[in-house]
Amino acid sequence: MRILALVFSLMAMPVWASSFDRPIPQAQSATAEFWFALGSLGLIAALYLVHRLVSRK
């Protein structure tokens, strides 16, 4: 049991961990911007329809 604890403690040493590399943000493509604009317009239309549905008496 003592040997097992020693093995696990050696395996958990920070020496084995790799350093964190920050992700580099990439530029947005025209296709992504088009779909974002289309989704935004769809969301605005849905919000307007919900507004009309809720405000009716």
PDB file of N, CA and C in Angstrom:
ATOM      1  N   MET A   1       0.828  -1.196   0.000  1.00  0.00           N
ATOM      2  CA  MET A   1       0.000   0.000   0.000  1.00  0.00           C
ATOM      3  C   MET A   1       0.868   1.254   0.000  1.00  0.00           C
ATOM      4  N   ARG A   2       1.971   1.203   0.729  1.00  0.00           N
ATOM      5  CA  ARG A   2       2.865   2.363   0.774  1.00  0.00           C
ATOM      6  C   ARG A   2       3.516   2.588  -0.586  1.00  0.00           C
ATOM      7  N   ILE A   3       3.820   1.503  -1.273  1.00  0.00           N
ATOM      8  CA  ILE A   3       4.445   1.631  -2.597  1.00  0.00           C
ATOM      9  C   ILE A   3       3.435   2.219  -3.585  1.00  0.00           C
ATOM     10  N   LEU A   4       2.184   1.783  -3.461  1.00  0.00           N
ATOM     11  CA  LEU A   4       1.153   2.314  -4.335  1.00  0.00           C
ATOM     12  C   LEU A   4       0.956   3.811  -4.120  1.00  0.00           C
ATOM     13  N   ALA A   5       0.976   4.257  -2.877  1.00  0.00           N
ATOM     14  CA  ALA A   5       0.843   5.679  -2.579  1.00  0.00           C
ATOM     15  C   ALA A   5       2.041   6.440  -3.131  1.00  0.00           C
ATOM     16  N   LEU A   6       3.226   5.862  -3.050  1.00  0.00           N
ATOM     17  CA  LEU A   6       4.423   6.511  -3.597  1.00  0.00           C
ATOM     18  C   LEU A   6       4.333   6.630  -5.117  1.00  0.00           C
ATOM     19  N   VAL A   7       3.861   5.579  -5.762  1.00  0.00           N
ATOM     20  CA  VAL A   7       3.740   5.603  -7.221  1.00  0.00           C
ATOM     21  C   VAL A   7       2.738   6.672  -7.646  1.00  0.00           C
ATOM     22  N   PHE A   8       1.575   6.740  -6.956  1.00  0.00           N
ATOM     23  CA  PHE A   8       0.581   7.749  -7.306  1.00  0.00           C
ATOM     24  C   PHE A   8       1.073   9.161  -7.035  1.00  0.00           C
ATOM     25  N   SER A   9       1.826   9.348  -5.974  1.00  0.00           N
ATOM     26  CA  SER A   9       2.332  10.693  -5.687  1.00  0.00           C
ATOM     27  C   SER A   9       3.382  11.110  -6.717  1.00  0.00           C
ATOM     28  N   LEU A  10       4.160  10.167  -7.224  1.00  0.00           N
ATOM     29  CA  LEU A  10       5.139  10.505  -8.259  1.00  0.00           C
ATOM     30  C   LEU A  10       4.454  10.784  -9.600  1.00  0.00           C
ATOM     31  N   MET A  11       3.351  10.087  -9.857  1.00  0.00           N
ATOM     32  CA  MET A  11       2.628  10.314 -11.112  1.00  0.00           C
ATOM     33  C   MET A  11       1.935  11.666 -11.118  1.00  0.00           C
ATOM     34  N   ALA A  12       1.598  12.208  -9.962  1.00  0.00           N
ATOM     35  CA  ALA A  12       0.870  13.465  -9.882  1.00  0.00           C
ATOM     36  C   ALA A  12       1.789  14.676  -9.770  1.00  0.00           C
ATOM     37  N   MET A  13       3.052  14.496 -10.014  1.00  0.00           N
ATOM     38  CA  MET A  13       3.988  15.613  -9.908  1.00  0.00           C
ATOM     39  C   MET A  13       3.698  16.655 -10.986  1.00  0.00           C
ATOM     40  N   PRO A  14       3.842  17.932 -10.662  1.00  0.00           N
ATOM     41  CA  PRO A  14       3.586  18.973 -11.663  1.00  0.00           C
ATOM     42  C   PRO A  14       4.570  18.945 -12.828  1.00  0.00           C
ATOM     43  N   VAL A  15       5.647  18.212 -12.701  1.00  0.00           N
ATOM     44  CA  VAL A  15       6.635  18.133 -13.783  1.00  0.00           C
ATOM     45  C   VAL A  15       6.000  17.509 -15.028  1.00  0.00           C
ATOM     46  N   TRP A  16       5.061  16.622 -14.823  1.00  0.00           N
ATOM     47  CA  TRP A  16       4.447  15.927 -15.949  1.00  0.00           C
ATOM     48  C   TRP A  16       3.428  16.798 -16.678  1.00  0.00           C
ATOM     49  N   ALA A  17       2.961  17.856 -16.048  1.00  0.00           N
ATOM     50  CA  ALA A  17       1.935  18.702 -16.655  1.00  0.00           C
ATOM     51  C   ALA A  17       2.551  19.609 -17.719  1.00  0.00           C
ATOM     52  N   SER A  18       1.833  19.789 -18.798  1.00  0.00           N
ATOM     53  CA  SER A  18       2.315  20.703 -19.833  1.00  0.00           C
ATOM     54  C   SER A  18       1.827  22.111 -19.529  1.00  0.00           C
ATOM     55  N   SER A  19       2.533  23.086 -20.038  1.00  0.00           N
ATOM     56  CA  SER A  19       2.147  24.468 -19.786  1.00  0.00           C
ATOM     57  C   SER A  19       0.919  24.824 -20.623  1.00  0.00           C
ATOM     58  N   PHE A  20       0.147  25.781 -20.134  1.00  0.00           N
ATOM     59  CA  PHE A  20      -1.086  26.197 -20.824  1.00  0.00           C
ATOM     60  C   PHE A  20      -0.738  27.158 -21.944  1.00  0.00           C
ATOM     61  N   ASP A  21      -1.223  26.851 -23.141  1.00  0.00           N
ATOM     62  CA  ASP A  21      -1.040  27.736 -24.295  1.00  0.00           C
ATOM     63  C   ASP A  21      -2.357  28.439 -24.562  1.00  0.00           C
ATOM     64  N   ARG A  22      -2.324  29.770 -24.500  1.00  0.00           N
ATOM     65  CA  ARG A  22      -3.560  30.529 -24.748  1.00  0.00           C
ATOM     66  C   ARG A  22      -3.996  30.349 -26.192  1.00  0.00           C
ATOM     67  N   PRO A  23      -5.312  30.165 -26.401  1.00  0.00           N
ATOM     68  CA  PRO A  23      -5.797  30.084 -27.779  1.00  0.00           C
ATOM     69  C   PRO A  23      -5.742  31.454 -28.451  1.00  0.00           C
ATOM     70  N   ILE A  24      -5.378  31.455 -29.711  1.00  0.00           N
ATOM     71  CA  ILE A  24      -5.278  32.695 -30.467  1.00  0.00           C
ATOM     72  C   ILE A  24      -6.598  32.903 -31.203  1.00  0.00           C
ATOM     73  N   PRO A  25      -7.287  34.022 -30.965  1.00  0.00           N
ATOM     74  CA  PRO A  25      -8.561  34.242 -31.662  1.00  0.00           C
ATOM     75  C   PRO A  25      -8.352  34.396 -33.165  1.00  0.00           C
ATOM     76  N   GLN A  26      -9.240  33.778 -33.914  1.00  0.00           N
ATOM     77  CA  GLN A  26      -9.167  33.833 -35.371  1.00  0.00           C
ATOM     78  C   GLN A  26     -10.166  34.864 -35.891  1.00  0.00           C
ATOM     79  N   ALA A  27      -9.891  35.380 -37.053  1.00  0.00           N
ATOM     80  CA  ALA A  27     -10.793  36.337 -37.682  1.00  0.00           C
ATOM     81  C   ALA A  27     -12.061  35.625 -38.135  1.00  0.00           C
ATOM     82  N   GLN A  28     -13.188  36.343 -38.114  1.00  0.00           N
ATOM     83  CA  GLN A  28     -14.449  35.770 -38.552  1.00  0.00           C
ATOM     84  C   GLN A  28     -14.530  35.803 -40.068  1.00  0.00           C
ATOM     85  N   SER A  29     -15.075  34.753 -40.634  1.00  0.00           N
ATOM     86  CA  SER A  29     -15.232  34.711 -42.086  1.00  0.00           C
ATOM     87  C   SER A  29     -16.516  35.426 -42.493  1.00  0.00           C
ATOM     88  N   ALA A  30     -16.638  35.703 -43.773  1.00  0.00           N
ATOM     89  CA  ALA A  30     -17.842  36.363 -44.280  1.00  0.00           C
ATOM     90  C   ALA A  30     -19.050  35.456 -44.126  1.00  0.00           C
ATOM     91  N   THR A  31     -18.850  34.150 -44.262  1.00  0.00           N
ATOM     92  CA  THR A  31     -19.960  33.211 -44.096  1.00  0.00           C
ATOM     93  C   THR A  31     -20.479  33.238 -42.669  1.00  0.00           C
ATOM     94  N   ALA A  32     -19.569  33.283 -41.696  1.00  0.00           N
ATOM     95  CA  ALA A  32     -19.991  33.336 -40.296  1.00  0.00           C
ATOM     96  C   ALA A  32     -20.724  34.635 -39.998  1.00  0.00           C
ATOM     97  N   GLU A  33     -20.258  35.727 -40.571  1.00  0.00           N
ATOM     98  CA  GLU A  33     -20.941  37.004 -40.360  1.00  0.00           C
ATOM     99  C   GLU A  33     -22.331  37.003 -40.986  1.00  0.00           C
ATOM    100  N   PHE A  34     -22.481  36.377 -42.150  1.00  0.00           N
ATOM    101  CA  PHE A  34     -23.788  36.284 -42.801  1.00  0.00           C
ATOM    102  C   PHE A  34     -24.760  35.494 -41.938  1.00  0.00           C
ATOM    103  N   TRP A  35     -24.341  34.338 -41.423  1.00  0.00           N
ATOM    104  CA  TRP A  35     -25.235  33.517 -40.609  1.00  0.00           C
ATOM    105  C   TRP A  35     -25.555  34.183 -39.279  1.00  0.00           C
ATOM    106  N   PHE A  36     -24.595  34.933 -38.736  1.00  0.00           N
ATOM    107  CA  PHE A  36     -24.862  35.678 -37.503  1.00  0.00           C
ATOM    108  C   PHE A  36     -25.912  36.758 -37.750  1.00  0.00           C
ATOM    109  N   ALA A  37     -25.799  37.477 -38.865  1.00  0.00           N
ATOM    110  CA  ALA A  37     -26.784  38.517 -39.203  1.00  0.00           C
ATOM    111  C   ALA A  37     -28.158  37.895 -39.437  1.00  0.00           C
ATOM    112  N   LEU A  38     -28.206  36.760 -40.129  1.00  0.00           N
ATOM    113  CA  LEU A  38     -29.472  36.090 -40.377  1.00  0.00           C
ATOM    114  C   LEU A  38     -30.100  35.608 -39.071  1.00  0.00           C
ATOM    115  N   GLY A  39     -29.292  35.059 -38.189  1.00  0.00           N
ATOM    116  CA  GLY A  39     -29.797  34.629 -36.890  1.00  0.00           C
ATOM    117  C   GLY A  39     -30.283  35.792 -36.048  1.00  0.00           C
ATOM    118  N   SER A  40     -29.579  36.917 -36.120  1.00  0.00           N
ATOM    119  CA  SER A  40     -29.999  38.112 -35.369  1.00  0.00           C
ATOM    120  C   SER A  40     -31.340  38.631 -35.873  1.00  0.00           C
ATOM    121  N   LEU A  41     -31.505  38.664 -37.178  1.00  0.00           N
ATOM    122  CA  LEU A  41     -32.791  39.096 -37.740  1.00  0.00           C
ATOM    123  C   LEU A  41     -33.915  38.132 -37.360  1.00  0.00           C
ATOM    124  N   GLY A  42     -33.619  36.852 -37.357  1.00  0.00           N
ATOM    125  CA  GLY A  42     -34.614  35.867 -36.946  1.00  0.00           C
ATOM    126  C   GLY A  42     -35.005  36.031 -35.488  1.00  0.00           C
ATOM    127  N   LEU A  43     -34.039  36.323 -34.640  1.00  0.00           N
ATOM    128  CA  LEU A  43     -34.322  36.544 -33.217  1.00  0.00           C
ATOM    129  C   LEU A  43     -35.170  37.793 -33.016  1.00  0.00           C
ATOM    130  N   ILE A  44     -34.850  38.857 -33.736  1.00  0.00           N
ATOM    131  CA  ILE A  44     -35.639  40.086 -33.627  1.00  0.00           C
ATOM    132  C   ILE A  44     -37.065  39.842 -34.098  1.00  0.00           C
ATOM    133  N   ALA A  45     -37.232  39.099 -35.192  1.00  0.00           N
ATOM    134  CA  ALA A  45     -38.572  38.789 -35.695  1.00  0.00           C
ATOM    135  C   ALA A  45     -39.344  37.943 -34.682  1.00  0.00           C
ATOM    136  N   ALA A  46     -38.677  36.974 -34.060  1.00  0.00           N
ATOM    137  CA  ALA A  46     -39.347  36.132 -33.071  1.00  0.00           C
ATOM    138  C   ALA A  46     -39.741  36.952 -31.848  1.00  0.00           C
ATOM    139  N   LEU A  47     -38.887  37.851 -31.418  1.00  0.00           N
ATOM    140  CA  LEU A  47     -39.216  38.697 -30.272  1.00  0.00           C
ATOM    141  C   LEU A  47     -40.410  39.599 -30.589  1.00  0.00           C
ATOM    142  N   TYR A  48     -40.476  40.113 -31.803  1.00  0.00           N
ATOM    143  CA  TYR A  48     -41.613  40.949 -32.194  1.00  0.00           C
ATOM    144  C   TYR A  48     -42.907  40.136 -32.216  1.00  0.00           C
ATOM    145  N   LEU A  49     -42.837  38.914 -32.736  1.00  0.00           N
ATOM    146  CA  LEU A  49     -44.022  38.075 -32.771  1.00  0.00           C
ATOM    147  C   LEU A  49     -44.494  37.721 -31.361  1.00  0.00           C
ATOM    148  N   VAL A  50     -43.580  37.468 -30.465  1.00  0.00           N
ATOM    149  CA  VAL A  50     -43.956  37.193 -29.070  1.00  0.00           C
ATOM    150  C   VAL A  50     -44.562  38.434 -28.444  1.00  0.00           C
ATOM    151  N   HIS A  51     -44.022  39.599 -28.757  1.00  0.00           N
ATOM    152  CA  HIS A  51     -44.581  40.855 -28.247  1.00  0.00           C
ATOM    153  C   HIS A  51     -46.020  41.026 -28.714  1.00  0.00           C
ATOM    154  N   ARG A  52     -46.272  40.786 -30.007  1.00  0.00           N
ATOM    155  CA  ARG A  52     -47.632  40.915 -30.536  1.00  0.00           C
ATOM    156  C   ARG A  52     -48.586  39.914 -29.888  1.00  0.00           C
ATOM    157  N   LEU A  53     -48.086  38.689 -29.661  1.00  0.00           N
ATOM    158  CA  LEU A  53     -48.917  37.644 -29.066  1.00  0.00           C
ATOM    159  C   LEU A  53     -49.281  37.976 -27.623  1.00  0.00           C
ATOM    160  N   VAL A  54     -48.334  38.505 -26.878  1.00  0.00           N
ATOM    161  CA  VAL A  54     -48.556  38.783 -25.459  1.00  0.00           C
ATOM    162  C   VAL A  54     -49.383  40.054 -25.273  1.00  0.00           C
ATOM    163  N   SER A  55     -49.204  41.037 -26.139  1.00  0.00           N
ATOM    164  CA  SER A  55     -49.888  42.316 -25.934  1.00  0.00           C
ATOM    165  C   SER A  55     -51.348  42.299 -26.388  1.00  0.00           C
ATOM    166  N   ARG A  56     -51.781  41.277 -27.085  1.00  0.00           N
ATOM    167  CA  ARG A  56     -53.173  41.182 -27.522  1.00  0.00           C
ATOM    168  C   ARG A  56     -54.101  40.945 -26.348  1.00  0.00           C
ATOM    169  N   LYS A  57     -55.289  41.549 -26.439  1.00  0.00           N
ATOM    170  CA  LYS A  57     -56.251  41.349 -25.347  1.00  0.00           C
ATOM    171  C   LYS A  57     -57.519  40.739 -25.852  1.00  0.00           C
TER     172      LYS A  57
END
